[in-house]
Amino acid sequence: MSCRCLDLSWTRSAGRGRVYSFVVYHEPRLPGFEYPYVVAVIELDEGVRLIANVVGVEPARLRIGQPVRVAFHRIEEGLTLPAFVPSPRPREPMSPQSTKGRRKP
């Protein structure tokens, strides 16, 4: 599939992945969300990336590469969205490409 391609398909997933990128929203305030809230790009173990909220962690404690798993978040009656929560699984080393330019701790 190439960029901007309309040939889309569903991919079955185990619901586990890693935080690829994220932002913390403080405004505008919408019903059904606790503030501040995190919107992240999650890279699923199957290789697919999607955008979802990360819940169950203080935004300041969230990290790129952090393991997460899906947990469905009820926004209101009739509206449930997939969200992600930190996963207790052990961290695997990131690929050399994803660590380029990063300083070692």
N, C-alpha and C. Protein backbone atom coordinates (compact mmCIF):
# COMPACT_ATOMS: atom_id res chain seq x y z
N MET A 1 0.85 -1.16 0.00
CA MET A 1 0.00 0.00 0.00
C MET A 1 0.90 1.23 0.00
N SER A 2 0.55 2.22 -0.77
CA SER A 2 1.34 3.45 -0.82
C SER A 2 0.59 4.58 -0.10
N CYS A 3 1.28 5.64 0.16
CA CYS A 3 0.71 6.79 0.85
C CYS A 3 -0.51 7.32 0.07
N ARG A 4 -1.53 7.68 0.78
CA ARG A 4 -2.78 8.22 0.22
C ARG A 4 -3.57 7.20 -0.59
N CYS A 5 -3.22 5.96 -0.45
CA CYS A 5 -3.92 4.90 -1.17
C CYS A 5 -5.29 4.67 -0.52
N LEU A 6 -6.30 4.46 -1.30
CA LEU A 6 -7.64 4.20 -0.78
C LEU A 6 -7.95 2.71 -0.71
N ASP A 7 -6.96 1.88 -1.03
CA ASP A 7 -7.12 0.44 -0.98
C ASP A 7 -6.82 -0.02 0.45
N LEU A 8 -7.78 0.16 1.35
CA LEU A 8 -7.61 -0.13 2.77
C LEU A 8 -8.19 -1.49 3.11
N SER A 9 -7.68 -2.06 4.19
CA SER A 9 -8.20 -3.34 4.65
C SER A 9 -8.07 -3.43 6.16
N TRP A 10 -8.81 -4.35 6.77
CA TRP A 10 -8.74 -4.59 8.20
C TRP A 10 -7.60 -5.55 8.48
N THR A 11 -6.97 -5.38 9.64
CA THR A 11 -5.91 -6.28 10.10
C THR A 11 -6.27 -6.78 11.49
N ARG A 12 -6.31 -8.09 11.66
CA ARG A 12 -6.58 -8.66 12.98
C ARG A 12 -5.35 -8.44 13.85
N SER A 13 -5.58 -8.05 15.10
CA SER A 13 -4.47 -7.72 15.99
C SER A 13 -4.70 -8.32 17.38
N ALA A 14 -3.59 -8.64 18.04
CA ALA A 14 -3.65 -9.11 19.43
C ALA A 14 -3.84 -7.93 20.39
N GLY A 15 -3.71 -6.70 19.89
CA GLY A 15 -3.93 -5.53 20.73
C GLY A 15 -2.74 -5.12 21.57
N ARG A 16 -1.55 -5.53 21.16
CA ARG A 16 -0.32 -5.16 21.87
C ARG A 16 0.60 -4.39 20.93
N GLY A 17 1.32 -3.43 21.50
CA GLY A 17 2.24 -2.66 20.68
C GLY A 17 3.11 -1.78 21.54
N ARG A 18 3.61 -0.70 20.92
CA ARG A 18 4.48 0.26 21.59
C ARG A 18 4.08 1.67 21.21
N VAL A 19 4.35 2.60 22.09
CA VAL A 19 4.11 4.01 21.80
C VAL A 19 5.15 4.46 20.79
N TYR A 20 4.69 4.91 19.63
CA TYR A 20 5.58 5.38 18.57
C TYR A 20 5.82 6.88 18.71
N SER A 21 4.75 7.61 19.08
CA SER A 21 4.81 9.05 19.27
C SER A 21 3.58 9.46 20.07
N PHE A 22 3.62 10.63 20.72
CA PHE A 22 2.43 11.07 21.45
C PHE A 22 2.46 12.57 21.71
N VAL A 23 1.27 13.11 21.99
CA VAL A 23 1.10 14.50 22.43
C VAL A 23 0.17 14.48 23.63
N VAL A 24 0.29 15.52 24.46
CA VAL A 24 -0.58 15.67 25.63
C VAL A 24 -1.49 16.86 25.39
N TYR A 25 -2.80 16.62 25.42
CA TYR A 25 -3.79 17.67 25.20
C TYR A 25 -4.30 18.22 26.52
N HIS A 26 -4.36 19.54 26.58
CA HIS A 26 -4.93 20.23 27.74
C HIS A 26 -6.22 20.94 27.36
N GLU A 27 -6.35 21.36 26.11
CA GLU A 27 -7.50 22.08 25.59
C GLU A 27 -7.70 21.66 24.13
N PRO A 28 -8.84 21.80 23.53
CA PRO A 28 -10.13 22.17 24.09
C PRO A 28 -10.71 21.01 24.88
N ARG A 29 -11.49 21.32 25.85
CA ARG A 29 -12.08 20.29 26.70
C ARG A 29 -13.35 19.73 26.07
N LEU A 30 -13.37 18.41 25.95
CA LEU A 30 -14.51 17.72 25.36
C LEU A 30 -15.11 16.78 26.39
N PRO A 31 -16.43 16.56 26.36
CA PRO A 31 -17.04 15.63 27.31
C PRO A 31 -16.52 14.22 27.12
N GLY A 32 -16.39 13.48 28.24
CA GLY A 32 -15.98 12.09 28.17
C GLY A 32 -14.49 11.86 28.35
N PHE A 33 -13.71 12.93 28.44
CA PHE A 33 -12.26 12.79 28.60
C PHE A 33 -11.80 13.42 29.90
N GLU A 34 -10.79 12.82 30.52
CA GLU A 34 -10.15 13.41 31.68
C GLU A 34 -8.93 14.18 31.19
N TYR A 35 -8.68 15.34 31.77
CA TYR A 35 -7.59 16.19 31.29
C TYR A 35 -6.46 16.26 32.29
N PRO A 36 -5.22 16.41 31.79
CA PRO A 36 -4.83 16.33 30.38
C PRO A 36 -4.94 14.88 29.88
N TYR A 37 -5.07 14.72 28.56
CA TYR A 37 -5.14 13.36 28.02
C TYR A 37 -4.12 13.19 26.90
N VAL A 38 -3.76 11.94 26.67
CA VAL A 38 -2.69 11.60 25.73
C VAL A 38 -3.30 11.03 24.46
N VAL A 39 -2.86 11.56 23.32
CA VAL A 39 -3.18 10.99 22.01
C VAL A 39 -1.87 10.48 21.45
N ALA A 40 -1.84 9.21 21.08
CA ALA A 40 -0.58 8.58 20.66
C ALA A 40 -0.72 7.86 19.33
N VAL A 41 0.40 7.74 18.65
CA VAL A 41 0.51 6.82 17.53
C VAL A 41 1.05 5.53 18.13
N ILE A 42 0.28 4.48 18.01
CA ILE A 42 0.66 3.18 18.55
C ILE A 42 1.08 2.28 17.39
N GLU A 43 2.27 1.71 17.51
CA GLU A 43 2.71 0.74 16.52
C GLU A 43 2.41 -0.64 17.08
N LEU A 44 1.42 -1.30 16.48
CA LEU A 44 1.03 -2.63 16.94
C LEU A 44 2.10 -3.66 16.58
N ASP A 45 2.13 -4.75 17.33
CA ASP A 45 3.11 -5.81 17.07
C ASP A 45 3.01 -6.34 15.65
N GLU A 46 1.84 -6.22 15.04
CA GLU A 46 1.64 -6.70 13.66
C GLU A 46 2.19 -5.73 12.63
N GLY A 47 2.71 -4.56 13.07
CA GLY A 47 3.32 -3.60 12.16
C GLY A 47 2.41 -2.45 11.75
N VAL A 48 1.15 -2.50 12.12
CA VAL A 48 0.19 -1.46 11.78
C VAL A 48 0.29 -0.34 12.80
N ARG A 49 0.17 0.91 12.36
CA ARG A 49 0.14 2.05 13.28
C ARG A 49 -1.26 2.63 13.30
N LEU A 50 -1.70 3.03 14.49
CA LEU A 50 -3.00 3.68 14.62
C LEU A 50 -2.92 4.77 15.68
N ILE A 51 -3.88 5.66 15.66
CA ILE A 51 -3.95 6.76 16.62
C ILE A 51 -5.01 6.42 17.65
N ALA A 52 -4.64 6.56 18.93
CA ALA A 52 -5.57 6.25 20.02
C ALA A 52 -5.12 6.98 21.28
N ASN A 53 -6.00 7.01 22.26
CA ASN A 53 -5.65 7.57 23.56
C ASN A 53 -4.85 6.55 24.36
N VAL A 54 -3.99 7.05 25.24
CA VAL A 54 -3.32 6.20 26.23
C VAL A 54 -3.86 6.64 27.57
N VAL A 55 -4.39 5.69 28.34
CA VAL A 55 -5.00 5.97 29.64
C VAL A 55 -4.30 5.12 30.70
N GLY A 56 -4.53 5.48 31.95
CA GLY A 56 -3.98 4.68 33.03
C GLY A 56 -2.52 4.98 33.35
N VAL A 57 -2.02 6.11 32.87
CA VAL A 57 -0.65 6.52 33.15
C VAL A 57 -0.60 8.05 33.16
N GLU A 58 0.17 8.61 34.07
CA GLU A 58 0.35 10.06 34.07
C GLU A 58 1.13 10.43 32.81
N PRO A 59 0.70 11.47 32.09
CA PRO A 59 1.39 11.83 30.84
C PRO A 59 2.90 12.00 31.01
N ALA A 60 3.34 12.53 32.13
CA ALA A 60 4.78 12.75 32.35
C ALA A 60 5.56 11.44 32.46
N ARG A 61 4.87 10.33 32.71
CA ARG A 61 5.55 9.03 32.86
C ARG A 61 5.54 8.20 31.57
N LEU A 62 4.83 8.67 30.56
CA LEU A 62 4.75 7.94 29.29
C LEU A 62 6.04 8.15 28.50
N ARG A 63 6.50 7.11 27.82
CA ARG A 63 7.74 7.16 27.07
C ARG A 63 7.58 6.57 25.68
N ILE A 64 8.33 7.11 24.71
CA ILE A 64 8.40 6.52 23.38
C ILE A 64 8.96 5.11 23.54
N GLY A 65 8.37 4.15 22.86
CA GLY A 65 8.81 2.76 22.93
C GLY A 65 8.18 1.98 24.06
N GLN A 66 7.37 2.65 24.89
CA GLN A 66 6.75 1.97 26.03
C GLN A 66 5.74 0.94 25.55
N PRO A 67 5.79 -0.29 26.08
CA PRO A 67 4.81 -1.31 25.70
C PRO A 67 3.41 -0.95 26.19
N VAL A 68 2.42 -1.22 25.35
CA VAL A 68 1.02 -0.95 25.70
C VAL A 68 0.15 -2.09 25.20
N ARG A 69 -1.08 -2.15 25.74
CA ARG A 69 -2.07 -3.12 25.28
C ARG A 69 -3.41 -2.41 25.19
N VAL A 70 -4.30 -2.93 24.37
CA VAL A 70 -5.60 -2.30 24.17
C VAL A 70 -6.48 -2.50 25.40
N ALA A 71 -7.27 -1.49 25.70
CA ALA A 71 -8.29 -1.54 26.76
C ALA A 71 -9.41 -0.63 26.27
N PHE A 72 -10.59 -1.16 26.10
CA PHE A 72 -11.67 -0.37 25.53
C PHE A 72 -12.18 0.62 26.55
N HIS A 73 -12.31 1.87 26.13
CA HIS A 73 -12.63 3.00 26.99
C HIS A 73 -14.03 3.51 26.65
N ARG A 74 -14.95 3.39 27.61
CA ARG A 74 -16.32 3.86 27.40
C ARG A 74 -16.37 5.37 27.56
N ILE A 75 -16.69 6.07 26.50
CA ILE A 75 -16.77 7.52 26.52
C ILE A 75 -18.12 7.96 27.06
N GLU A 76 -19.16 7.37 26.52
CA GLU A 76 -20.54 7.64 26.95
C GLU A 76 -21.40 6.49 26.48
N GLU A 77 -22.66 6.49 26.86
CA GLU A 77 -23.59 5.44 26.44
C GLU A 77 -23.57 5.31 24.92
N GLY A 78 -23.26 4.12 24.43
CA GLY A 78 -23.25 3.87 23.00
C GLY A 78 -21.96 4.23 22.28
N LEU A 79 -20.96 4.74 23.01
CA LEU A 79 -19.69 5.11 22.37
C LEU A 79 -18.52 4.56 23.19
N THR A 80 -17.92 3.52 22.67
CA THR A 80 -16.73 2.91 23.28
C THR A 80 -15.62 2.94 22.25
N LEU A 81 -14.45 3.42 22.66
CA LEU A 81 -13.31 3.54 21.75
C LEU A 81 -12.13 2.71 22.25
N PRO A 82 -11.32 2.22 21.32
CA PRO A 82 -10.11 1.54 21.78
C PRO A 82 -9.15 2.57 22.35
N ALA A 83 -8.58 2.26 23.49
CA ALA A 83 -7.53 3.08 24.11
C ALA A 83 -6.43 2.10 24.48
N PHE A 84 -5.31 2.61 24.90
CA PHE A 84 -4.21 1.74 25.29
C PHE A 84 -3.76 2.07 26.69
N VAL A 85 -3.30 1.05 27.41
CA VAL A 85 -2.78 1.19 28.77
C VAL A 85 -1.38 0.60 28.78
N PRO A 86 -0.54 1.06 29.73
CA PRO A 86 0.80 0.47 29.82
C PRO A 86 0.72 -1.04 30.02
N SER A 87 1.63 -1.74 29.39
CA SER A 87 1.66 -3.19 29.49
C SER A 87 2.85 -3.60 30.35
N PRO A 88 2.65 -4.58 31.22
CA PRO A 88 3.76 -5.00 32.09
C PRO A 88 4.79 -5.89 31.42
N ARG A 89 4.61 -6.18 30.12
CA ARG A 89 5.56 -7.09 29.46
C ARG A 89 6.95 -6.47 29.43
N PRO A 90 7.98 -7.29 29.45
CA PRO A 90 9.35 -6.76 29.45
C PRO A 90 9.65 -6.03 28.15
N ARG A 91 10.47 -5.01 28.26
CA ARG A 91 10.86 -4.23 27.08
C ARG A 91 11.86 -5.03 26.25
N GLU A 92 11.64 -5.00 24.96
CA GLU A 92 12.59 -5.60 24.03
C GLU A 92 13.44 -4.47 23.48
N PRO A 93 14.68 -4.75 23.10
CA PRO A 93 15.51 -3.68 22.54
C PRO A 93 14.88 -3.12 21.28
N MET A 94 14.99 -1.81 21.11
CA MET A 94 14.49 -1.18 19.89
C MET A 94 15.48 -1.46 18.77
N SER A 95 15.00 -1.41 17.54
CA SER A 95 15.87 -1.67 16.40
C SER A 95 16.92 -0.56 16.29
N PRO A 96 18.08 -0.83 15.69
CA PRO A 96 19.12 0.19 15.54
C PRO A 96 18.61 1.44 14.83
N GLN A 97 17.71 1.28 13.85
CA GLN A 97 17.19 2.43 13.12
C GLN A 97 16.41 3.35 14.03
N SER A 98 15.66 2.81 15.00
CA SER A 98 14.82 3.64 15.85
C SER A 98 15.62 4.34 16.93
N THR A 99 16.89 3.95 17.15
CA THR A 99 17.69 4.57 18.20
C THR A 99 18.75 5.53 17.63
N LYS A 100 18.79 5.72 16.31
CA LYS A 100 19.75 6.65 15.72
C LYS A 100 19.57 8.04 16.29
N GLY A 101 20.65 8.66 16.65
CA GLY A 101 20.60 10.03 17.14
C GLY A 101 20.22 10.17 18.59
N ARG A 102 19.93 9.07 19.27
CA ARG A 102 19.56 9.13 20.69
C ARG A 102 20.81 8.98 21.55
N ARG A 103 20.85 9.72 22.63
CA ARG A 103 21.96 9.60 23.57
C ARG A 103 21.72 8.42 24.48
N LYS A 104 22.78 7.75 24.87
CA LYS A 104 22.67 6.65 25.82
C LYS A 104 22.52 7.23 27.21
N PRO A 105 21.69 6.59 28.07
CA PRO A 105 21.51 7.13 29.42
C PRO A 105 22.76 7.00 30.26
